[in-house]
Amino acid sequence: MAKSETQVNFRLPDNILVRFKEETQKERRSQTAQLTLLVEEWLEKREKLQGAKA
């Protein structure tokens, strides 16, 4: 099955973007791959916290 992806545009402060780019280079990931990983981890963490509260 093909993956469905949507392009998203947003703004970041310059200093955060510079740091983010540095980290993606260290991790040898594209910016898209790194951001996807970070969002997935954040969502999983929130789901676990919400599950623990229930």
N, C-alpha and C. Protein backbone atom coordinates (compact mmCIF):
# COMPACT_ATOMS: atom_id res chain seq x y z
N MET A 1 0.84 -1.17 0.00
CA MET A 1 0.00 0.00 0.00
C MET A 1 0.89 1.24 0.00
N ALA A 2 0.53 2.23 -0.78
CA ALA A 2 1.30 3.46 -0.88
C ALA A 2 1.09 4.32 0.36
N LYS A 3 2.13 5.02 0.74
CA LYS A 3 2.06 5.93 1.87
C LYS A 3 1.45 7.24 1.42
N SER A 4 0.61 7.80 2.24
CA SER A 4 0.02 9.09 1.95
C SER A 4 0.72 10.14 2.82
N GLU A 5 1.23 11.18 2.19
CA GLU A 5 1.90 12.23 2.93
C GLU A 5 1.38 13.58 2.47
N THR A 6 1.27 14.49 3.40
CA THR A 6 0.82 15.84 3.12
C THR A 6 1.94 16.81 3.43
N GLN A 7 2.17 17.75 2.54
CA GLN A 7 3.19 18.76 2.78
C GLN A 7 2.66 19.79 3.76
N VAL A 8 3.49 20.15 4.73
CA VAL A 8 3.12 21.12 5.75
C VAL A 8 4.20 22.21 5.78
N ASN A 9 3.77 23.44 5.82
CA ASN A 9 4.71 24.56 5.91
C ASN A 9 4.47 25.30 7.22
N PHE A 10 5.54 25.64 7.91
CA PHE A 10 5.42 26.39 9.15
C PHE A 10 6.68 27.22 9.36
N ARG A 11 6.63 28.11 10.31
CA ARG A 11 7.75 29.00 10.59
C ARG A 11 8.42 28.61 11.90
N LEU A 12 9.74 28.77 11.91
CA LEU A 12 10.54 28.56 13.12
C LEU A 12 11.47 29.75 13.30
N PRO A 13 11.79 30.09 14.53
CA PRO A 13 12.82 31.11 14.73
C PRO A 13 14.15 30.62 14.12
N ASP A 14 14.92 31.55 13.58
CA ASP A 14 16.17 31.19 12.90
C ASP A 14 17.09 30.34 13.77
N ASN A 15 17.23 30.72 15.05
CA ASN A 15 18.16 29.99 15.92
C ASN A 15 17.72 28.54 16.13
N ILE A 16 16.43 28.29 16.19
CA ILE A 16 15.94 26.92 16.37
C ILE A 16 16.16 26.12 15.08
N LEU A 17 15.94 26.74 13.95
CA LEU A 17 16.15 26.05 12.68
C LEU A 17 17.61 25.66 12.50
N VAL A 18 18.52 26.54 12.86
CA VAL A 18 19.95 26.24 12.76
C VAL A 18 20.29 25.04 13.63
N ARG A 19 19.81 25.05 14.87
CA ARG A 19 20.09 23.93 15.78
C ARG A 19 19.46 22.64 15.27
N PHE A 20 18.24 22.73 14.74
CA PHE A 20 17.55 21.55 14.21
C PHE A 20 18.34 20.96 13.04
N LYS A 21 18.80 21.81 12.13
CA LYS A 21 19.58 21.33 10.99
C LYS A 21 20.87 20.65 11.45
N GLU A 22 21.53 21.22 12.46
CA GLU A 22 22.75 20.62 13.00
C GLU A 22 22.47 19.22 13.54
N GLU A 23 21.36 19.08 14.27
CA GLU A 23 21.02 17.77 14.84
C GLU A 23 20.66 16.75 13.76
N THR A 24 19.97 17.18 12.72
CA THR A 24 19.62 16.23 11.66
C THR A 24 20.88 15.74 10.96
N GLN A 25 21.87 16.61 10.82
CA GLN A 25 23.12 16.18 10.20
C GLN A 25 23.85 15.18 11.09
N LYS A 26 23.85 15.42 12.40
CA LYS A 26 24.48 14.49 13.34
C LYS A 26 23.80 13.13 13.30
N GLU A 27 22.48 13.14 13.17
CA GLU A 27 21.70 11.90 13.17
C GLU A 27 21.63 11.25 11.79
N ARG A 28 22.18 11.94 10.78
CA ARG A 28 22.15 11.46 9.40
C ARG A 28 20.74 11.18 8.92
N ARG A 29 19.84 12.12 9.23
CA ARG A 29 18.46 12.03 8.80
C ARG A 29 18.11 13.30 8.03
N SER A 30 17.16 13.17 7.14
CA SER A 30 16.64 14.37 6.50
C SER A 30 15.83 15.15 7.53
N GLN A 31 15.59 16.40 7.24
CA GLN A 31 14.79 17.20 8.15
C GLN A 31 13.39 16.61 8.26
N THR A 32 12.85 16.13 7.16
CA THR A 32 11.52 15.52 7.18
C THR A 32 11.51 14.27 8.05
N ALA A 33 12.50 13.42 7.89
CA ALA A 33 12.56 12.18 8.68
C ALA A 33 12.72 12.49 10.16
N GLN A 34 13.55 13.47 10.49
CA GLN A 34 13.76 13.82 11.90
C GLN A 34 12.49 14.40 12.51
N LEU A 35 11.85 15.28 11.78
CA LEU A 35 10.62 15.89 12.30
C LEU A 35 9.52 14.84 12.47
N THR A 36 9.42 13.91 11.53
CA THR A 36 8.43 12.84 11.62
C THR A 36 8.69 11.99 12.87
N LEU A 37 9.95 11.64 13.09
CA LEU A 37 10.32 10.85 14.26
C LEU A 37 9.97 11.59 15.55
N LEU A 38 10.30 12.87 15.61
CA LEU A 38 10.02 13.66 16.82
C LEU A 38 8.52 13.76 17.09
N VAL A 39 7.73 13.98 16.07
CA VAL A 39 6.28 14.09 16.25
C VAL A 39 5.70 12.75 16.67
N GLU A 40 6.17 11.65 16.04
CA GLU A 40 5.68 10.31 16.42
C GLU A 40 6.00 10.02 17.88
N GLU A 41 7.23 10.32 18.30
CA GLU A 41 7.62 10.07 19.70
C GLU A 41 6.80 10.91 20.66
N TRP A 42 6.56 12.17 20.30
CA TRP A 42 5.77 13.07 21.14
C TRP A 42 4.34 12.56 21.27
N LEU A 43 3.75 12.13 20.16
CA LEU A 43 2.37 11.62 20.21
C LEU A 43 2.28 10.34 21.05
N GLU A 44 3.25 9.44 20.89
CA GLU A 44 3.25 8.21 21.68
C GLU A 44 3.37 8.52 23.18
N LYS A 45 4.23 9.47 23.52
CA LYS A 45 4.41 9.86 24.92
C LYS A 45 3.11 10.42 25.48
N ARG A 46 2.44 11.27 24.72
CA ARG A 46 1.17 11.86 25.18
C ARG A 46 0.10 10.77 25.36
N GLU A 47 0.06 9.81 24.44
CA GLU A 47 -0.92 8.73 24.54
C GLU A 47 -0.68 7.91 25.80
N LYS A 48 0.59 7.62 26.10
CA LYS A 48 0.91 6.86 27.31
C LYS A 48 0.53 7.64 28.56
N LEU A 49 0.82 8.94 28.57
CA LEU A 49 0.46 9.76 29.73
C LEU A 49 -1.05 9.82 29.91
N GLN A 50 -1.78 9.96 28.84
CA GLN A 50 -3.23 10.01 28.92
C GLN A 50 -3.80 8.67 29.36
N GLY A 51 -3.18 7.58 28.91
CA GLY A 51 -3.62 6.25 29.31
C GLY A 51 -3.37 6.01 30.78
N ALA A 52 -2.28 6.56 31.30
CA ALA A 52 -1.95 6.40 32.71
C ALA A 52 -2.91 7.18 33.61
N LYS A 53 -3.45 8.28 33.09
CA LYS A 53 -4.38 9.10 33.86
C LYS A 53 -5.78 8.49 33.91
N ALA A 54 -6.09 7.66 32.92
CA ALA A 54 -7.45 7.10 32.85
C ALA A 54 -7.69 6.03 33.89
